[in-house]
PDB file of N, CA and C in Angstrom:
ATOM      1  N   MET A   1     -29.328 -35.310 -44.037  1.00  0.00           N
ATOM      2  CA  MET A   1     -28.425 -35.618 -42.937  1.00  0.00           C
ATOM      3  C   MET A   1     -28.066 -34.358 -42.155  1.00  0.00           C
ATOM      4  N   GLU A   2     -27.910 -33.253 -42.885  1.00  0.00           N
ATOM      5  CA  GLU A   2     -27.544 -31.998 -42.238  1.00  0.00           C
ATOM      6  C   GLU A   2     -28.647 -31.541 -41.280  1.00  0.00           C
ATOM      7  N   GLU A   3     -29.905 -31.750 -41.658  1.00  0.00           N
ATOM      8  CA  GLU A   3     -31.020 -31.378 -40.790  1.00  0.00           C
ATOM      9  C   GLU A   3     -31.016 -32.213 -39.511  1.00  0.00           C
ATOM     10  N   ALA A   4     -30.672 -33.483 -39.629  1.00  0.00           N
ATOM     11  CA  ALA A   4     -30.615 -34.353 -38.457  1.00  0.00           C
ATOM     12  C   ALA A   4     -29.524 -33.888 -37.494  1.00  0.00           C
ATOM     13  N   ILE A   5     -28.412 -33.454 -38.030  1.00  0.00           N
ATOM     14  CA  ILE A   5     -27.315 -32.966 -37.191  1.00  0.00           C
ATOM     15  C   ILE A   5     -27.731 -31.687 -36.473  1.00  0.00           C
ATOM     16  N   LYS A   6     -28.425 -30.790 -37.176  1.00  0.00           N
ATOM     17  CA  LYS A   6     -28.907 -29.552 -36.554  1.00  0.00           C
ATOM     18  C   LYS A   6     -29.928 -29.859 -35.466  1.00  0.00           C
ATOM     19  N   ALA A   7     -30.827 -30.803 -35.729  1.00  0.00           N
ATOM     20  CA  ALA A   7     -31.841 -31.173 -34.736  1.00  0.00           C
ATOM     21  C   ALA A   7     -31.189 -31.773 -33.499  1.00  0.00           C
ATOM     22  N   SER A   8     -30.202 -32.619 -33.711  1.00  0.00           N
ATOM     23  CA  SER A   8     -29.496 -33.233 -32.592  1.00  0.00           C
ATOM     24  C   SER A   8     -28.776 -32.171 -31.763  1.00  0.00           C
ATOM     25  N   ALA A   9     -28.160 -31.210 -32.419  1.00  0.00           N
ATOM     26  CA  ALA A   9     -27.468 -30.134 -31.708  1.00  0.00           C
ATOM     27  C   ALA A   9     -28.455 -29.288 -30.916  1.00  0.00           C
ATOM     28  N   ALA A  10     -29.616 -29.026 -31.501  1.00  0.00           N
ATOM     29  CA  ALA A  10     -30.632 -28.229 -30.796  1.00  0.00           C
ATOM     30  C   ALA A  10     -31.118 -28.958 -29.556  1.00  0.00           C
ATOM     31  N   LEU A  11     -31.326 -30.263 -29.645  1.00  0.00           N
ATOM     32  CA  LEU A  11     -31.768 -31.032 -28.488  1.00  0.00           C
ATOM     33  C   LEU A  11     -30.702 -31.094 -27.407  1.00  0.00           C
ATOM     34  N   THR A  12     -29.453 -31.149 -27.816  1.00  0.00           N
ATOM     35  CA  THR A  12     -28.352 -31.185 -26.860  1.00  0.00           C
ATOM     36  C   THR A  12     -28.295 -29.886 -26.063  1.00  0.00           C
ATOM     37  N   GLU A  13     -28.617 -28.770 -26.706  1.00  0.00           N
ATOM     38  CA  GLU A  13     -28.565 -27.470 -26.050  1.00  0.00           C
ATOM     39  C   GLU A  13     -29.811 -27.182 -25.221  1.00  0.00           C
ATOM     40  N   TYR A  14     -30.879 -27.965 -25.432  1.00  0.00           N
ATOM     41  CA  TYR A  14     -32.137 -27.723 -24.738  1.00  0.00           C
ATOM     42  C   TYR A  14     -31.969 -27.982 -23.248  1.00  0.00           C
ATOM     43  N   ARG A  15     -32.474 -27.066 -22.444  1.00  0.00           N
ATOM     44  CA  ARG A  15     -32.443 -27.224 -20.998  1.00  0.00           C
ATOM     45  C   ARG A  15     -33.872 -27.098 -20.477  1.00  0.00           C
ATOM     46  N   TYR A  16     -34.305 -28.083 -19.745  1.00  0.00           N
ATOM     47  CA  TYR A  16     -35.652 -28.064 -19.190  1.00  0.00           C
ATOM     48  C   TYR A  16     -35.678 -27.155 -17.968  1.00  0.00           C
ATOM     49  N   THR A  17     -36.597 -26.217 -17.959  1.00  0.00           N
ATOM     50  CA  THR A  17     -36.773 -25.333 -16.818  1.00  0.00           C
ATOM     51  C   THR A  17     -38.156 -25.582 -16.246  1.00  0.00           C
ATOM     52  N   MET A  18     -38.206 -26.016 -15.013  1.00  0.00           N
ATOM     53  CA  MET A  18     -39.474 -26.340 -14.390  1.00  0.00           C
ATOM     54  C   MET A  18     -40.236 -25.074 -14.037  1.00  0.00           C
ATOM     55  N   ASN A  19     -41.516 -25.075 -14.340  1.00  0.00           N
ATOM     56  CA  ASN A  19     -42.393 -23.975 -13.978  1.00  0.00           C
ATOM     57  C   ASN A  19     -42.715 -24.121 -12.493  1.00  0.00           C
ATOM     58  N   PRO A  20     -42.415 -23.108 -11.671  1.00  0.00           N
ATOM     59  CA  PRO A  20     -42.662 -23.236 -10.231  1.00  0.00           C
ATOM     60  C   PRO A  20     -44.142 -23.362  -9.872  1.00  0.00           C
ATOM     61  N   ALA A  21     -45.032 -23.056 -10.809  1.00  0.00           N
ATOM     62  CA  ALA A  21     -46.466 -23.176 -10.539  1.00  0.00           C
ATOM     63  C   ALA A  21     -46.908 -24.640 -10.531  1.00  0.00           C
ATOM     64  N   PHE A  22     -46.099 -25.524 -11.077  1.00  0.00           N
ATOM     65  CA  PHE A  22     -46.433 -26.935 -11.145  1.00  0.00           C
ATOM     66  C   PHE A  22     -45.513 -27.738 -10.251  1.00  0.00           C
ATOM     67  N   SER A  23     -46.058 -28.737  -9.630  1.00  0.00           N
ATOM     68  CA  SER A  23     -45.276 -29.607  -8.775  1.00  0.00           C
ATOM     69  C   SER A  23     -45.278 -31.009  -9.385  1.00  0.00           C
ATOM     70  N   PRO A  24     -44.197 -31.411 -10.039  1.00  0.00           N
ATOM     71  CA  PRO A  24     -44.181 -32.722 -10.666  1.00  0.00           C
ATOM     72  C   PRO A  24     -44.188 -33.841  -9.626  1.00  0.00           C
ATOM     73  N   LEU A  25     -44.857 -34.903  -9.946  1.00  0.00           N
ATOM     74  CA  LEU A  25     -44.885 -36.062  -9.055  1.00  0.00           C
ATOM     75  C   LEU A  25     -43.706 -36.984  -9.302  1.00  0.00           C
ATOM     76  N   GLY A  26     -43.144 -36.892 -10.478  1.00  0.00           N
ATOM     77  CA  GLY A  26     -42.017 -37.750 -10.790  1.00  0.00           C
ATOM     78  C   GLY A  26     -41.457 -37.440 -12.159  1.00  0.00           C
ATOM     79  N   GLU A  27     -40.261 -37.890 -12.371  1.00  0.00           N
ATOM     80  CA  GLU A  27     -39.609 -37.707 -13.659  1.00  0.00           C
ATOM     81  C   GLU A  27     -38.676 -38.876 -13.875  1.00  0.00           C
ATOM     82  N   LYS A  28     -38.699 -39.392 -15.074  1.00  0.00           N
ATOM     83  CA  LYS A  28     -37.820 -40.508 -15.410  1.00  0.00           C
ATOM     84  C   LYS A  28     -37.353 -40.321 -16.838  1.00  0.00           C
ATOM     85  N   ARG A  29     -36.079 -40.341 -17.028  1.00  0.00           N
ATOM     86  CA  ARG A  29     -35.513 -40.211 -18.372  1.00  0.00           C
ATOM     87  C   ARG A  29     -35.006 -41.580 -18.814  1.00  0.00           C
ATOM     88  N   MET A  30     -35.337 -41.910 -20.046  1.00  0.00           N
ATOM     89  CA  MET A  30     -34.889 -43.183 -20.595  1.00  0.00           C
ATOM     90  C   MET A  30     -34.778 -43.057 -22.101  1.00  0.00           C
ATOM     91  N   PRO A  31     -33.964 -43.872 -22.705  1.00  0.00           N
ATOM     92  CA  PRO A  31     -33.838 -43.839 -24.160  1.00  0.00           C
ATOM     93  C   PRO A  31     -35.151 -44.234 -24.826  1.00  0.00           C
ATOM     94  N   ARG A  32     -35.408 -43.646 -25.996  1.00  0.00           N
ATOM     95  CA  ARG A  32     -36.588 -44.007 -26.762  1.00  0.00           C
ATOM     96  C   ARG A  32     -36.300 -45.331 -27.457  1.00  0.00           C
ATOM     97  N   ASP A  33     -36.674 -46.400 -26.789  1.00  0.00           N
ATOM     98  CA  ASP A  33     -36.392 -47.731 -27.302  1.00  0.00           C
ATOM     99  C   ASP A  33     -37.528 -48.650 -26.888  1.00  0.00           C
ATOM    100  N   ILE A  34     -37.883 -49.580 -27.720  1.00  0.00           N
ATOM    101  CA  ILE A  34     -38.998 -50.491 -27.453  1.00  0.00           C
ATOM    102  C   ILE A  34     -38.783 -51.274 -26.160  1.00  0.00           C
ATOM    103  N   GLU A  35     -37.550 -51.492 -25.796  1.00  0.00           N
ATOM    104  CA  GLU A  35     -37.247 -52.257 -24.585  1.00  0.00           C
ATOM    105  C   GLU A  35     -37.620 -51.496 -23.305  1.00  0.00           C
ATOM    106  N   ASN A  36     -37.869 -50.183 -23.404  1.00  0.00           N
ATOM    107  CA  ASN A  36     -38.183 -49.376 -22.238  1.00  0.00           C
ATOM    108  C   ASN A  36     -39.679 -49.139 -22.041  1.00  0.00           C
ATOM    109  N   VAL A  37     -40.502 -49.690 -22.913  1.00  0.00           N
ATOM    110  CA  VAL A  37     -41.946 -49.443 -22.836  1.00  0.00           C
ATOM    111  C   VAL A  37     -42.524 -49.939 -21.516  1.00  0.00           C
ATOM    112  N   ALA A  38     -42.188 -51.139 -21.112  1.00  0.00           N
ATOM    113  CA  ALA A  38     -42.735 -51.688 -19.863  1.00  0.00           C
ATOM    114  C   ALA A  38     -42.311 -50.846 -18.664  1.00  0.00           C
ATOM    115  N   SER A  39     -41.079 -50.397 -18.644  1.00  0.00           N
ATOM    116  CA  SER A  39     -40.593 -49.571 -17.549  1.00  0.00           C
ATOM    117  C   SER A  39     -41.322 -48.228 -17.518  1.00  0.00           C
ATOM    118  N   ALA A  40     -41.544 -47.641 -18.680  1.00  0.00           N
ATOM    119  CA  ALA A  40     -42.258 -46.366 -18.759  1.00  0.00           C
ATOM    120  C   ALA A  40     -43.698 -46.524 -18.282  1.00  0.00           C
ATOM    121  N   ARG A  41     -44.351 -47.583 -18.703  1.00  0.00           N
ATOM    122  CA  ARG A  41     -45.733 -47.822 -18.275  1.00  0.00           C
ATOM    123  C   ARG A  41     -45.815 -48.042 -16.768  1.00  0.00           C
ATOM    124  N   ARG A  42     -44.881 -48.783 -16.230  1.00  0.00           N
ATOM    125  CA  ARG A  42     -44.853 -49.037 -14.791  1.00  0.00           C
ATOM    126  C   ARG A  42     -44.648 -47.724 -14.030  1.00  0.00           C
ATOM    127  N   PHE A  43     -43.759 -46.871 -14.538  1.00  0.00           N
ATOM    128  CA  PHE A  43     -43.513 -45.578 -13.900  1.00  0.00           C
ATOM    129  C   PHE A  43     -44.778 -44.724 -13.902  1.00  0.00           C
ATOM    130  N   VAL A  44     -45.475 -44.671 -15.033  1.00  0.00           N
ATOM    131  CA  VAL A  44     -46.706 -43.883 -15.113  1.00  0.00           C
ATOM    132  C   VAL A  44     -47.764 -44.453 -14.184  1.00  0.00           C
ATOM    133  N   ARG A  45     -47.914 -45.771 -14.171  1.00  0.00           N
ATOM    134  CA  ARG A  45     -48.897 -46.411 -13.288  1.00  0.00           C
ATOM    135  C   ARG A  45     -48.600 -46.101 -11.824  1.00  0.00           C
ATOM    136  N   ASP A  46     -47.348 -46.250 -11.421  1.00  0.00           N
ATOM    137  CA  ASP A  46     -46.974 -46.006 -10.028  1.00  0.00           C
ATOM    138  C   ASP A  46     -47.117 -44.531  -9.653  1.00  0.00           C
ATOM    139  N   THR A  47     -46.759 -43.635 -10.581  1.00  0.00           N
ATOM    140  CA  THR A  47     -46.902 -42.210 -10.318  1.00  0.00           C
ATOM    141  C   THR A  47     -48.370 -41.832 -10.187  1.00  0.00           C
ATOM    142  N   ALA A  48     -49.216 -42.395 -11.053  1.00  0.00           N
ATOM    143  CA  ALA A  48     -50.656 -42.117 -10.970  1.00  0.00           C
ATOM    144  C   ALA A  48     -51.227 -42.647  -9.658  1.00  0.00           C
ATOM    145  N   ALA A  49     -50.772 -43.792  -9.225  1.00  0.00           N
ATOM    146  CA  ALA A  49     -51.243 -44.350  -7.958  1.00  0.00           C
ATOM    147  C   ALA A  49     -50.826 -43.451  -6.798  1.00  0.00           C
ATOM    148  N   ASP A  50     -49.601 -42.928  -6.845  1.00  0.00           N
ATOM    149  CA  ASP A  50     -49.140 -41.991  -5.815  1.00  0.00           C
ATOM    150  C   ASP A  50     -49.992 -40.725  -5.848  1.00  0.00           C
ATOM    151  N   TRP A  51     -50.283 -40.234  -7.050  1.00  0.00           N
ATOM    152  CA  TRP A  51     -51.077 -39.030  -7.180  1.00  0.00           C
ATOM    153  C   TRP A  51     -52.478 -39.230  -6.600  1.00  0.00           C
ATOM    154  N   ASN A  52     -53.079 -40.359  -6.885  1.00  0.00           N
ATOM    155  CA  ASN A  52     -54.400 -40.634  -6.355  1.00  0.00           C
ATOM    156  C   ASN A  52     -54.376 -40.712  -4.833  1.00  0.00           C
ATOM    157  N   GLY A  53     -53.301 -41.187  -4.268  1.00  0.00           N
ATOM    158  CA  GLY A  53     -53.184 -41.258  -2.814  1.00  0.00           C
ATOM    159  C   GLY A  53     -52.979 -39.902  -2.161  1.00  0.00           C
ATOM    160  N   ARG A  54     -52.442 -38.932  -2.891  1.00  0.00           N
ATOM    161  CA  ARG A  54     -52.144 -37.614  -2.346  1.00  0.00           C
ATOM    162  C   ARG A  54     -53.279 -36.611  -2.549  1.00  0.00           C
ATOM    163  N   ARG A  55     -54.219 -36.930  -3.403  1.00  0.00           N
ATOM    164  CA  ARG A  55     -55.282 -35.963  -3.699  1.00  0.00           C
ATOM    165  C   ARG A  55     -56.067 -35.639  -2.443  1.00  0.00           C
ATOM    166  N   THR A  56     -56.359 -34.360  -2.273  1.00  0.00           N
ATOM    167  CA  THR A  56     -57.138 -33.938  -1.114  1.00  0.00           C
ATOM    168  C   THR A  56     -58.464 -33.341  -1.525  1.00  0.00           C
ATOM    169  N   CYS A  57     -58.694 -33.140  -2.839  1.00  0.00           N
ATOM    170  CA  CYS A  57     -59.982 -32.579  -3.257  1.00  0.00           C
ATOM    171  C   CYS A  57     -60.833 -33.611  -3.937  1.00  0.00           C
TER     172      CYS A  57
END
């Protein structure tokens, strides 16, 4: 249990820093829950479709 508390604290302190060399097409945060699978898949599908539309090479 103590390890779980330490892991949770470490994740709470984690801050995402975007690398300026990369340009993200999208970001979506959602709880890790089975009920969010369809939403996550839809987001990836739509983001990939946007990416394919923007490609110039």
